[in-house]
Amino acid sequence: MNHPEIDTDGIRRQLEEARKALLEQSSESQESRATVVLDQQSVGRLSRMDALQGQAMAQAEEERRQLTIRRIDSALARLARGEFGECIECGEWIAARRLEWDPTVLKCIDCAE
């Protein structure tokens, strides 16, 4: 049974919308994560370093985005199984306000510490 104090339909919609937005951001930023190819004759060393740094930042951002998508997928799976809101450590209900703030949390506040 999902958490009795949570609007599971609302949480599901919120998670699905967040997932969709992250996938769109991922698609839009694909070019900035691509391999940096610069003509060494026409581009200075600092420009190459800036391009490489920009690429590294875009790749790190994509890793964070993919982690968030996996957390959202996990929360959606828990909703489907009827386990949403249960702490994975102690089995007690996670506080409703904590779930509303971040529906992807896995542990109650006591087990998270």
C-alpha atoms as a PDB file:
ATOM      1  CA  MET A   1       0.000   0.000   0.000  1.00  0.00           C
ATOM      2  CA  ASN A   2       1.322   3.442  -0.938  1.00  0.00           C
ATOM      3  CA  HIS A   3       1.685   6.139   1.729  1.00  0.00           C
ATOM      4  CA  PRO A   4      -1.825   6.873   3.039  1.00  0.00           C
ATOM      5  CA  GLU A   5      -1.266  10.642   3.437  1.00  0.00           C
ATOM      6  CA  ILE A   6       0.052  11.268  -0.075  1.00  0.00           C
ATOM      7  CA  ASP A   7      -1.846  12.121  -3.254  1.00  0.00           C
ATOM      8  CA  THR A   8      -0.203   9.402  -5.329  1.00  0.00           C
ATOM      9  CA  ASP A   9      -1.779  10.586  -8.593  1.00  0.00           C
ATOM     10  CA  GLY A  10      -0.376  14.067  -8.012  1.00  0.00           C
ATOM     11  CA  ILE A  11       3.053  12.670  -7.134  1.00  0.00           C
ATOM     12  CA  ARG A  12       2.996  10.451 -10.242  1.00  0.00           C
ATOM     13  CA  ARG A  13       2.181  13.451 -12.459  1.00  0.00           C
ATOM     14  CA  GLN A  14       4.909  15.522 -10.773  1.00  0.00           C
ATOM     15  CA  LEU A  15       7.490  12.769 -11.292  1.00  0.00           C
ATOM     16  CA  GLU A  16       6.490  12.169 -14.915  1.00  0.00           C
ATOM     17  CA  GLU A  17       6.656  15.892 -15.706  1.00  0.00           C
ATOM     18  CA  ALA A  18      10.076  16.197 -14.074  1.00  0.00           C
ATOM     19  CA  ARG A  19      11.309  13.160 -16.025  1.00  0.00           C
ATOM     20  CA  LYS A  20      10.033  14.589 -19.298  1.00  0.00           C
ATOM     21  CA  ALA A  21      11.716  17.951 -18.613  1.00  0.00           C
ATOM     22  CA  LEU A  22      15.033  16.247 -17.793  1.00  0.00           C
ATOM     23  CA  LEU A  23      14.903  14.183 -20.985  1.00  0.00           C
ATOM     24  CA  GLU A  24      14.231  17.340 -23.010  1.00  0.00           C
ATOM     25  CA  GLN A  25      17.164  19.112 -21.336  1.00  0.00           C
ATOM     26  CA  SER A  26      19.354  16.115 -22.077  1.00  0.00           C
ATOM     27  CA  SER A  27      18.387  16.188 -25.726  1.00  0.00           C
ATOM     28  CA  GLU A  28      18.929  19.953 -25.993  1.00  0.00           C
ATOM     29  CA  SER A  29      22.373  19.804 -24.412  1.00  0.00           C
ATOM     30  CA  GLN A  30      23.651  16.875 -26.465  1.00  0.00           C
ATOM     31  CA  GLU A  31      25.744  19.106 -28.734  1.00  0.00           C
ATOM     32  CA  SER A  32      27.573  20.740 -25.819  1.00  0.00           C
ATOM     33  CA  ARG A  33      28.654  17.295 -24.569  1.00  0.00           C
ATOM     34  CA  ALA A  34      30.042  16.211 -27.942  1.00  0.00           C
ATOM     35  CA  THR A  35      33.751  15.750 -28.538  1.00  0.00           C
ATOM     36  CA  VAL A  36      35.540  19.077 -28.871  1.00  0.00           C
ATOM     37  CA  VAL A  37      37.192  19.403 -32.267  1.00  0.00           C
ATOM     38  CA  LEU A  38      39.098  22.618 -32.845  1.00  0.00           C
ATOM     39  CA  ASP A  39      41.498  23.660 -35.556  1.00  0.00           C
ATOM     40  CA  GLN A  40      44.773  24.147 -33.713  1.00  0.00           C
ATOM     41  CA  GLN A  41      45.916  26.748 -36.240  1.00  0.00           C
ATOM     42  CA  SER A  42      42.923  29.079 -35.994  1.00  0.00           C
ATOM     43  CA  VAL A  43      41.949  28.689 -32.328  1.00  0.00           C
ATOM     44  CA  GLY A  44      44.176  29.741 -29.471  1.00  0.00           C
ATOM     45  CA  ARG A  45      45.159  27.592 -26.512  1.00  0.00           C
ATOM     46  CA  LEU A  46      42.822  29.426 -24.110  1.00  0.00           C
ATOM     47  CA  SER A  47      39.874  28.961 -26.462  1.00  0.00           C
ATOM     48  CA  ARG A  48      40.586  25.226 -26.619  1.00  0.00           C
ATOM     49  CA  MET A  49      40.798  25.077 -22.823  1.00  0.00           C
ATOM     50  CA  ASP A  50      37.496  26.961 -22.516  1.00  0.00           C
ATOM     51  CA  ALA A  51      35.837  24.566 -24.964  1.00  0.00           C
ATOM     52  CA  LEU A  52      37.145  21.521 -23.088  1.00  0.00           C
ATOM     53  CA  GLN A  53      36.033  22.965 -19.767  1.00  0.00           C
ATOM     54  CA  GLY A  54      32.566  23.697 -21.179  1.00  0.00           C
ATOM     55  CA  GLN A  55      32.342  20.133 -22.457  1.00  0.00           C
ATOM     56  CA  ALA A  56      33.398  18.698 -19.077  1.00  0.00           C
ATOM     57  CA  MET A  57      30.794  20.801 -17.263  1.00  0.00           C
ATOM     58  CA  ALA A  58      28.082  19.713 -19.723  1.00  0.00           C
ATOM     59  CA  GLN A  59      29.042  16.056 -19.245  1.00  0.00           C
ATOM     60  CA  ALA A  60      28.956  16.382 -15.449  1.00  0.00           C
ATOM     61  CA  GLU A  61      25.552  18.040 -15.663  1.00  0.00           C
ATOM     62  CA  GLU A  62      24.309  15.180 -17.847  1.00  0.00           C
ATOM     63  CA  GLU A  63      25.537  12.621 -15.298  1.00  0.00           C
ATOM     64  CA  ARG A  64      23.566  14.419 -12.578  1.00  0.00           C
ATOM     65  CA  ARG A  65      20.532  14.570 -14.861  1.00  0.00           C
ATOM     66  CA  GLN A  66      20.734  10.817 -15.590  1.00  0.00           C
ATOM     67  CA  LEU A  67      21.033  10.050 -11.857  1.00  0.00           C
ATOM     68  CA  THR A  68      17.897  12.099 -11.185  1.00  0.00           C
ATOM     69  CA  ILE A  69      16.050  10.273 -13.978  1.00  0.00           C
ATOM     70  CA  ARG A  70      17.011   6.922 -12.418  1.00  0.00           C
ATOM     71  CA  ARG A  71      15.755   8.138  -9.023  1.00  0.00           C
ATOM     72  CA  ILE A  72      12.478   9.239 -10.620  1.00  0.00           C
ATOM     73  CA  ASP A  73      12.115   5.880 -12.396  1.00  0.00           C
ATOM     74  CA  SER A  74      12.674   4.139  -9.072  1.00  0.00           C
ATOM     75  CA  ALA A  75       9.997   6.258  -7.380  1.00  0.00           C
ATOM     76  CA  LEU A  76       7.548   5.542 -10.217  1.00  0.00           C
ATOM     77  CA  ALA A  77       8.256   1.806  -9.852  1.00  0.00           C
ATOM     78  CA  ARG A  78       7.595   2.015  -6.097  1.00  0.00           C
ATOM     79  CA  LEU A  79       4.294   3.769  -6.841  1.00  0.00           C
ATOM     80  CA  ALA A  80       3.326   1.004  -9.273  1.00  0.00           C
ATOM     81  CA  ARG A  81       4.224  -1.713  -6.744  1.00  0.00           C
ATOM     82  CA  GLY A  82       2.320   0.042  -3.950  1.00  0.00           C
ATOM     83  CA  GLU A  83       5.473   0.644  -1.905  1.00  0.00           C
ATOM     84  CA  PHE A  84       5.754   4.412  -2.284  1.00  0.00           C
ATOM     85  CA  GLY A  85       6.582   6.152   0.967  1.00  0.00           C
ATOM     86  CA  GLU A  86       7.997   3.144   2.823  1.00  0.00           C
ATOM     87  CA  CYS A  87      11.492   3.545   4.240  1.00  0.00           C
ATOM     88  CA  ILE A  88      13.799   0.993   2.598  1.00  0.00           C
ATOM     89  CA  GLU A  89      15.631   0.440   5.893  1.00  0.00           C
ATOM     90  CA  CYS A  90      13.039   0.239   8.654  1.00  0.00           C
ATOM     91  CA  GLY A  91       9.812  -0.160   6.674  1.00  0.00           C
ATOM     92  CA  GLU A  92       8.083   2.728   8.463  1.00  0.00           C
ATOM     93  CA  TRP A  93       6.326   5.500   6.553  1.00  0.00           C
ATOM     94  CA  ILE A  94       8.486   8.402   5.425  1.00  0.00           C
ATOM     95  CA  ALA A  95       7.052  11.734   6.610  1.00  0.00           C
ATOM     96  CA  ALA A  96       4.521  13.085   4.113  1.00  0.00           C
ATOM     97  CA  ARG A  97       6.153  16.531   4.040  1.00  0.00           C
ATOM     98  CA  ARG A  98       9.533  14.928   3.270  1.00  0.00           C
ATOM     99  CA  LEU A  99       8.000  13.023   0.336  1.00  0.00           C
ATOM    100  CA  GLU A 100       6.216  16.123  -0.929  1.00  0.00           C
ATOM    101  CA  TRP A 101       9.518  18.014  -0.870  1.00  0.00           C
ATOM    102  CA  ASP A 102      11.392  15.201  -2.646  1.00  0.00           C
ATOM    103  CA  PRO A 103       9.301  12.264  -3.855  1.00  0.00           C
ATOM    104  CA  THR A 104      12.433  10.286  -4.730  1.00  0.00           C
ATOM    105  CA  VAL A 105      13.691   9.884  -1.136  1.00  0.00           C
ATOM    106  CA  LEU A 106      14.168   6.285  -0.016  1.00  0.00           C
ATOM    107  CA  LYS A 107      14.591   6.609   3.741  1.00  0.00           C
ATOM    108  CA  CYS A 108      12.830   8.202   6.665  1.00  0.00           C
ATOM    109  CA  ILE A 109      14.691  10.984   8.420  1.00  0.00           C
ATOM    110  CA  ASP A 110      15.897   8.676  11.219  1.00  0.00           C
ATOM    111  CA  CYS A 111      17.422   6.122   8.834  1.00  0.00           C
ATOM    112  CA  ALA A 112      18.832   8.820   6.551  1.00  0.00           C
ATOM    113  CA  GLU A 113      21.019  10.193   9.347  1.00  0.00           C
END
